[in-house]
């Protein structure tokens, strides 16, 4: 029978060195938050530099030579980048939070990105977009779902091992 992961005991506790992994996870989450903070609160777009031009040139070349579909534009790359930027956060938070708090990770992703976009409204060199909110929330939710799937798999294998030993 399927038991929701957020209602069970933490399956990672059964593994050795749980507290060391938890500390490492919090340290990694801290580095992640600083990195995202630098990207989203930088006074100008992070792609307003030679690397942004390199991506545009790559896309233009791909379109001209026909190996990249025309619908795959710079806006697509930017949108997918926003999805990917929040995926690790959703994943790490889900692993680090207590069982009952895990269900709030997608809502936390939405609230966080809404605050970021609202702040960017007042930053002269930045733009704010509803699509950024959608992309970031989707990224956090994908990370959340991936972590829940992993936790469920660990929980399930532990349950099977426990029932086999009876």
Protein backbone atom coordinates (compact mmCIF):
# COMPACT_ATOMS: atom_id res chain seq x y z
CA UNK A 1 0.00 0.00 0.00
CA UNK A 2 1.26 3.48 -0.87
CA UNK A 3 1.89 5.68 2.14
CA UNK A 4 2.55 9.37 1.44
CA UNK A 5 6.16 10.21 2.23
CA UNK A 6 5.27 13.28 4.28
CA UNK A 7 3.27 11.13 6.71
CA UNK A 8 5.98 8.59 7.41
CA UNK A 9 9.11 8.69 9.49
CA UNK A 10 12.15 10.01 7.67
CA UNK A 11 13.64 7.09 5.73
CA UNK A 12 17.03 8.80 5.61
CA UNK A 13 17.40 8.47 9.39
CA UNK A 14 17.94 4.73 9.02
CA UNK A 15 21.09 5.41 7.02
CA UNK A 16 24.34 5.93 8.87
CA UNK A 17 25.76 9.42 9.36
CA UNK A 18 22.39 11.16 9.01
CA UNK A 19 23.39 14.27 10.97
CA UNK A 20 26.57 14.75 8.91
CA UNK A 21 24.55 14.57 5.70
CA UNK A 22 21.98 16.98 7.12
CA UNK A 23 24.70 19.50 8.02
CA UNK A 24 26.24 19.16 4.56
CA UNK A 25 22.79 19.66 3.05
CA UNK A 26 22.25 22.87 5.00
CA UNK A 27 25.68 24.14 3.96
CA UNK A 28 24.90 23.34 0.32
CA UNK A 29 21.53 25.07 0.66
CA UNK A 30 23.29 28.15 2.04
CA UNK A 31 25.67 28.27 -0.93
CA UNK A 32 22.71 27.79 -3.28
CA UNK A 33 20.76 30.66 -1.67
CA UNK A 34 23.75 33.01 -1.95
CA UNK A 35 24.26 32.07 -5.61
CA UNK A 36 20.59 32.58 -6.48
CA UNK A 37 20.58 35.85 -4.53
CA UNK A 38 23.53 37.11 -6.56
CA UNK A 39 21.80 36.19 -9.83
CA UNK A 40 18.39 37.66 -9.04
CA UNK A 41 19.51 40.81 -7.21
CA UNK A 42 22.45 41.74 -9.44
CA UNK A 43 21.86 45.33 -10.63
CA UNK A 44 21.79 44.30 -14.31
CA UNK A 45 20.74 41.12 -16.11
CA UNK A 46 23.38 38.45 -15.63
CA UNK A 47 23.33 37.80 -19.37
CA UNK A 48 24.21 41.42 -20.28
CA UNK A 49 27.82 40.46 -20.94
CA UNK A 50 29.92 38.54 -23.49
CA UNK A 51 28.57 35.16 -22.35
CA UNK A 52 25.01 36.32 -23.08
CA UNK A 53 26.14 37.34 -26.56
CA UNK A 54 27.81 33.95 -26.98
CA UNK A 55 24.49 32.19 -26.28
CA UNK A 56 22.70 34.45 -28.78
CA UNK A 57 25.37 33.72 -31.40
CA UNK A 58 25.08 29.97 -30.73
CA UNK A 59 21.29 30.12 -31.17
CA UNK A 60 21.57 32.22 -34.34
CA UNK A 61 24.09 29.76 -35.82
CA UNK A 62 21.86 26.80 -34.95
CA UNK A 63 18.84 28.44 -36.55
CA UNK A 64 20.77 29.44 -39.69
CA UNK A 65 22.28 25.98 -40.14
CA UNK A 66 18.99 24.22 -39.40
CA UNK A 67 20.10 21.99 -36.52
CA UNK A 68 18.20 24.03 -33.94
CA UNK A 69 14.42 24.53 -34.28
CA UNK A 70 13.28 28.14 -34.70
CA UNK A 71 10.98 27.93 -31.70
CA UNK A 72 14.04 27.36 -29.48
CA UNK A 73 14.87 31.03 -28.95
CA UNK A 74 16.75 33.09 -26.41
CA UNK A 75 13.49 33.52 -24.48
CA UNK A 76 13.20 29.71 -24.31
CA UNK A 77 16.73 29.42 -22.95
CA UNK A 78 16.01 32.15 -20.41
CA UNK A 79 12.76 30.48 -19.33
CA UNK A 80 14.38 27.06 -18.97
CA UNK A 81 17.20 28.69 -16.99
CA UNK A 82 14.60 30.02 -14.55
CA UNK A 83 13.11 26.54 -14.19
CA UNK A 84 16.56 25.03 -13.59
CA UNK A 85 17.56 27.76 -11.15
CA UNK A 86 14.83 26.80 -8.65
CA UNK A 87 14.96 23.01 -9.09
CA UNK A 88 17.90 22.45 -6.68
CA UNK A 89 16.21 24.61 -4.05
CA UNK A 90 13.01 22.56 -4.14
CA UNK A 91 15.04 19.36 -4.05
CA UNK A 92 17.27 20.38 -1.12
CA UNK A 93 14.45 21.87 0.94
CA UNK A 94 12.37 18.72 0.54
CA UNK A 95 15.24 16.56 1.77
CA UNK A 96 16.06 18.87 4.68
CA UNK A 97 12.62 19.79 5.97
CA UNK A 98 10.72 17.70 8.46
CA UNK A 99 8.08 15.37 7.05
CA UNK A 100 4.97 17.49 7.53
CA UNK A 101 6.68 20.67 6.30
CA UNK A 102 7.61 19.15 2.94
CA UNK A 103 4.17 19.72 1.48
CA UNK A 104 4.76 23.49 1.58
CA UNK A 105 7.82 23.51 -0.70
CA UNK A 106 5.92 24.38 -3.93
CA UNK A 107 4.08 27.19 -2.15
CA UNK A 108 7.38 28.42 -0.70
CA UNK A 109 8.85 28.45 -4.22
CA UNK A 110 5.89 30.53 -5.41
CA UNK A 111 6.15 32.98 -2.50
CA UNK A 112 9.92 33.33 -2.89
CA UNK A 113 9.79 34.02 -6.60
CA UNK A 114 6.89 36.45 -6.17
CA UNK A 115 8.99 38.41 -3.65
CA UNK A 116 11.98 38.34 -6.02
CA UNK A 117 9.94 39.57 -8.98
CA UNK A 118 8.29 42.28 -6.86
CA UNK A 119 11.72 43.49 -5.72
CA UNK A 120 12.98 43.48 -9.32
CA UNK A 121 10.12 45.84 -10.25
CA UNK A 122 11.96 48.56 -8.35
CA UNK A 123 15.44 47.77 -9.68
CA UNK A 124 16.23 50.04 -12.66
CA UNK A 125 18.35 47.55 -14.62
CA UNK A 126 16.02 44.57 -14.12
CA UNK A 127 12.71 43.38 -15.51
CA UNK A 128 9.96 41.51 -13.76
CA UNK A 129 7.72 38.93 -15.39
CA UNK A 130 4.79 36.70 -14.54
CA UNK A 131 6.46 34.02 -16.70
CA UNK A 132 9.49 34.12 -14.39
CA UNK A 133 7.18 33.38 -11.47
CA UNK A 134 5.67 30.45 -13.37
CA UNK A 135 9.10 29.10 -14.39
CA UNK A 136 10.66 29.43 -10.94
CA UNK A 137 7.64 27.84 -9.25
CA UNK A 138 7.71 24.98 -11.76
CA UNK A 139 11.43 24.47 -11.04
CA UNK A 140 10.89 24.36 -7.28
CA UNK A 141 7.98 21.96 -7.74
CA UNK A 142 10.03 19.67 -10.01
CA UNK A 143 12.82 19.56 -7.40
CA UNK A 144 10.23 18.82 -4.71
CA UNK A 145 8.70 15.98 -6.75
CA UNK A 146 12.12 14.47 -7.51
CA UNK A 147 13.10 14.50 -3.83
CA UNK A 148 9.75 12.99 -2.79
CA UNK A 149 10.23 10.23 -5.37
CA UNK A 150 13.67 9.45 -3.96
CA UNK A 151 12.41 9.51 -0.37
CA UNK A 152 9.50 7.28 -1.32
CA UNK A 153 11.87 4.84 -3.03
CA UNK A 154 14.08 4.68 0.06
CA UNK A 155 11.04 4.28 2.29
CA UNK A 156 9.61 1.56 0.04
CA UNK A 157 12.86 -0.42 -0.09
CA UNK A 158 13.17 -0.19 3.69
CA UNK A 159 9.59 -1.43 4.10
CA UNK A 160 10.23 -4.34 1.72
CA UNK A 161 13.44 -5.21 3.58
CA UNK A 162 11.61 -5.05 6.94
CA UNK A 163 8.75 -7.23 5.72
CA UNK A 164 11.18 -9.76 4.20
CA UNK A 165 12.93 -10.16 7.56
CA UNK A 166 9.68 -11.15 9.31
